[in-house]
Amino acid sequence: MSWEAGPGIVVLPGGSRVRGRALRDGPAAGPAPHFALYLLGRRPPATPWPAVWVRWPDFWLPLDRRAATDAFTLAYQRLLAGERVEVACGGGRGRTGTALACIAQLAGVPAAQAVSWVRERYDRKAVETPWQRRYVRRFTTQRRPPKTVV
């Protein structure tokens, strides 16, 4: 099941649709996600759908990079299974854009193009800091095989 075109919807190579958004804007319009990836410095509120929390302070990088890689991989696998996947942080730009750029790489976008690709399709200010941009560029070269996801 794919999401309609609308605010925050990014169509990945292959046609999967992922929604990026800012949690501070409140609930998103449209259907609820089947799965969500929340990128925050503190635990997000409970949701009626399955969600993964990656501890990630605003303007920085994930505190556990392996957990982030596993979460991006799980989100991408769920997208490939046809599920509605949401990626969100407080403001919906830096951390969300960084995660979307990494997920885009899993879908086939070259690392060197991932930041500009997300900025063209999601938010022109996505991936806000130099260290977030470096993290995206190095994502596929430093990525280890993910843990088995059940």
Protein backbone atom coordinates (compact mmCIF):
# COMPACT_ATOMS: atom_id res chain seq x y z
CA MET A 1 0.00 0.00 0.00
CA SER A 2 1.57 3.33 -1.02
CA TRP A 3 0.92 6.81 0.32
CA GLU A 4 -0.62 9.53 -1.73
CA ALA A 5 1.58 12.39 -2.90
CA GLY A 6 1.57 15.17 -0.34
CA PRO A 7 3.66 17.06 2.17
CA GLY A 8 6.73 15.13 3.19
CA ILE A 9 6.21 12.21 0.81
CA VAL A 10 9.43 11.13 -0.91
CA VAL A 11 9.34 8.62 -3.76
CA LEU A 12 12.46 6.46 -3.64
CA PRO A 13 14.07 4.77 -6.64
CA GLY A 14 11.90 1.72 -7.23
CA GLY A 15 8.71 3.58 -6.32
CA SER A 16 8.44 3.10 -2.54
CA ARG A 17 7.07 6.14 -0.72
CA VAL A 18 8.30 7.29 2.67
CA ARG A 19 6.95 10.22 4.67
CA GLY A 20 9.27 12.61 6.46
CA ARG A 21 7.85 15.10 8.92
CA ALA A 22 8.33 17.31 11.97
CA LEU A 23 6.85 15.94 15.18
CA ARG A 24 6.41 19.48 16.53
CA ASP A 25 3.78 20.06 13.81
CA GLY A 26 1.45 17.53 15.45
CA PRO A 27 -0.18 14.52 13.79
CA ALA A 28 0.16 14.29 10.01
CA ALA A 29 -2.89 14.37 7.78
CA GLY A 30 -3.82 11.22 5.92
CA PRO A 31 -3.51 7.56 6.82
CA ALA A 32 -1.46 6.51 9.82
CA PRO A 33 1.86 4.81 9.18
CA HIS A 34 2.30 1.08 9.54
CA PHE A 35 5.74 1.76 11.01
CA ALA A 36 7.65 4.82 12.19
CA LEU A 37 11.24 5.76 12.82
CA TYR A 38 11.62 8.53 15.42
CA LEU A 39 14.94 10.35 15.72
CA LEU A 40 15.00 12.19 19.03
CA GLY A 41 17.21 12.89 22.00
CA ARG A 42 14.53 11.53 24.34
CA ARG A 43 11.93 8.80 24.08
CA PRO A 44 8.98 9.73 21.84
CA PRO A 45 5.39 9.37 22.99
CA ALA A 46 3.77 5.97 22.50
CA THR A 47 2.01 5.37 19.19
CA PRO A 48 -0.64 2.88 18.11
CA TRP A 49 1.71 1.65 15.35
CA PRO A 50 5.10 -0.06 15.70
CA ALA A 51 7.95 2.42 16.00
CA VAL A 52 11.70 2.46 16.53
CA TRP A 53 13.40 5.21 18.49
CA VAL A 54 16.95 6.19 17.57
CA ARG A 55 18.58 8.36 20.26
CA TRP A 56 19.73 11.33 18.27
CA PRO A 57 20.21 14.80 19.80
CA ASP A 58 19.11 17.77 17.71
CA PHE A 59 21.77 19.00 15.23
CA TRP A 60 24.06 16.03 16.00
CA LEU A 61 24.46 12.42 14.96
CA PRO A 62 22.88 9.21 16.27
CA LEU A 63 24.36 8.20 19.62
CA ASP A 64 24.51 4.55 18.47
CA ARG A 65 25.38 4.43 14.77
CA ARG A 66 24.86 0.69 14.54
CA ALA A 67 21.33 1.06 15.94
CA ALA A 68 20.69 3.84 13.41
CA THR A 69 21.91 1.68 10.52
CA ASP A 70 19.72 -1.19 11.70
CA ALA A 71 16.73 1.17 12.00
CA PHE A 72 17.26 2.62 8.49
CA THR A 73 17.55 -0.91 7.11
CA LEU A 74 14.39 -2.03 8.89
CA ALA A 75 12.50 1.01 7.60
CA TYR A 76 13.67 0.27 4.06
CA GLN A 77 12.71 -3.40 4.34
CA ARG A 78 9.23 -2.39 5.48
CA LEU A 79 8.97 0.03 2.56
CA LEU A 80 9.87 -2.80 0.18
CA ALA A 81 7.09 -4.87 1.79
CA GLY A 82 4.62 -2.14 0.79
CA GLU A 83 4.12 -0.63 4.24
CA ARG A 84 3.57 3.05 5.01
CA VAL A 85 6.72 4.24 6.76
CA GLU A 86 7.18 7.56 8.51
CA VAL A 87 10.54 9.12 9.49
CA ALA A 88 10.36 12.04 11.90
CA CYS A 89 12.32 14.22 14.29
CA GLY A 90 11.46 17.41 16.15
CA GLY A 91 11.86 19.87 13.29
CA GLY A 92 11.72 17.43 10.37
CA ARG A 93 14.86 18.67 8.59
CA GLY A 94 18.27 17.74 9.94
CA ARG A 95 17.84 14.30 11.48
CA THR A 96 14.91 13.36 9.26
CA GLY A 97 16.73 14.53 6.13
CA THR A 98 19.86 12.64 7.18
CA ALA A 99 17.87 9.42 7.71
CA LEU A 100 16.03 9.86 4.41
CA ALA A 101 19.36 10.33 2.61
CA CYS A 102 20.67 7.10 4.15
CA ILE A 103 17.48 5.21 3.26
CA ALA A 104 17.73 6.64 -0.27
CA GLN A 105 21.21 5.09 -0.51
CA LEU A 106 19.74 1.71 0.44
CA ALA A 107 17.34 2.24 -2.48
CA GLY A 108 20.20 2.92 -4.88
CA VAL A 109 20.99 6.65 -4.71
CA PRO A 110 24.80 7.10 -4.79
CA ALA A 111 26.29 8.39 -1.52
CA ALA A 112 27.79 11.46 -3.20
CA GLN A 113 24.33 12.49 -4.46
CA ALA A 114 22.15 11.50 -1.49
CA VAL A 115 22.06 14.91 0.25
CA SER A 116 21.19 16.84 -2.91
CA TRP A 117 18.70 14.11 -3.88
CA VAL A 118 16.83 14.51 -0.56
CA ARG A 119 16.99 18.31 -0.73
CA GLU A 120 15.39 18.24 -4.20
CA ARG A 121 12.62 15.82 -3.20
CA TYR A 122 11.95 16.52 0.47
CA ASP A 123 13.22 19.84 1.87
CA ARG A 124 15.84 22.17 0.42
CA LYS A 125 17.32 22.65 3.90
CA ALA A 126 17.43 18.95 4.83
CA VAL A 127 20.61 17.50 6.35
CA GLU A 128 21.48 20.67 8.25
CA THR A 129 25.00 20.31 9.61
CA PRO A 130 28.41 19.54 8.09
CA TRP A 131 28.73 16.42 10.27
CA GLN A 132 25.29 15.18 9.13
CA ARG A 133 26.39 15.64 5.50
CA ARG A 134 29.63 13.74 6.21
CA TYR A 135 27.64 10.97 7.94
CA VAL A 136 25.49 10.59 4.82
CA ARG A 137 28.51 10.51 2.48
CA ARG A 138 30.15 7.81 4.60
CA PHE A 139 27.00 5.80 5.32
CA THR A 140 27.38 3.09 2.68
CA THR A 141 31.16 2.83 2.99
CA GLN A 142 31.10 2.36 6.76
CA ARG A 143 27.92 0.31 6.91
CA ARG A 144 28.22 -3.19 8.30
CA PRO A 145 25.65 -5.86 7.51
CA PRO A 146 22.58 -5.23 9.68
CA LYS A 147 21.55 -7.47 12.53
CA THR A 148 18.93 -10.04 11.61
CA VAL A 149 15.54 -8.34 11.75
CA VAL A 150 12.59 -10.41 12.83
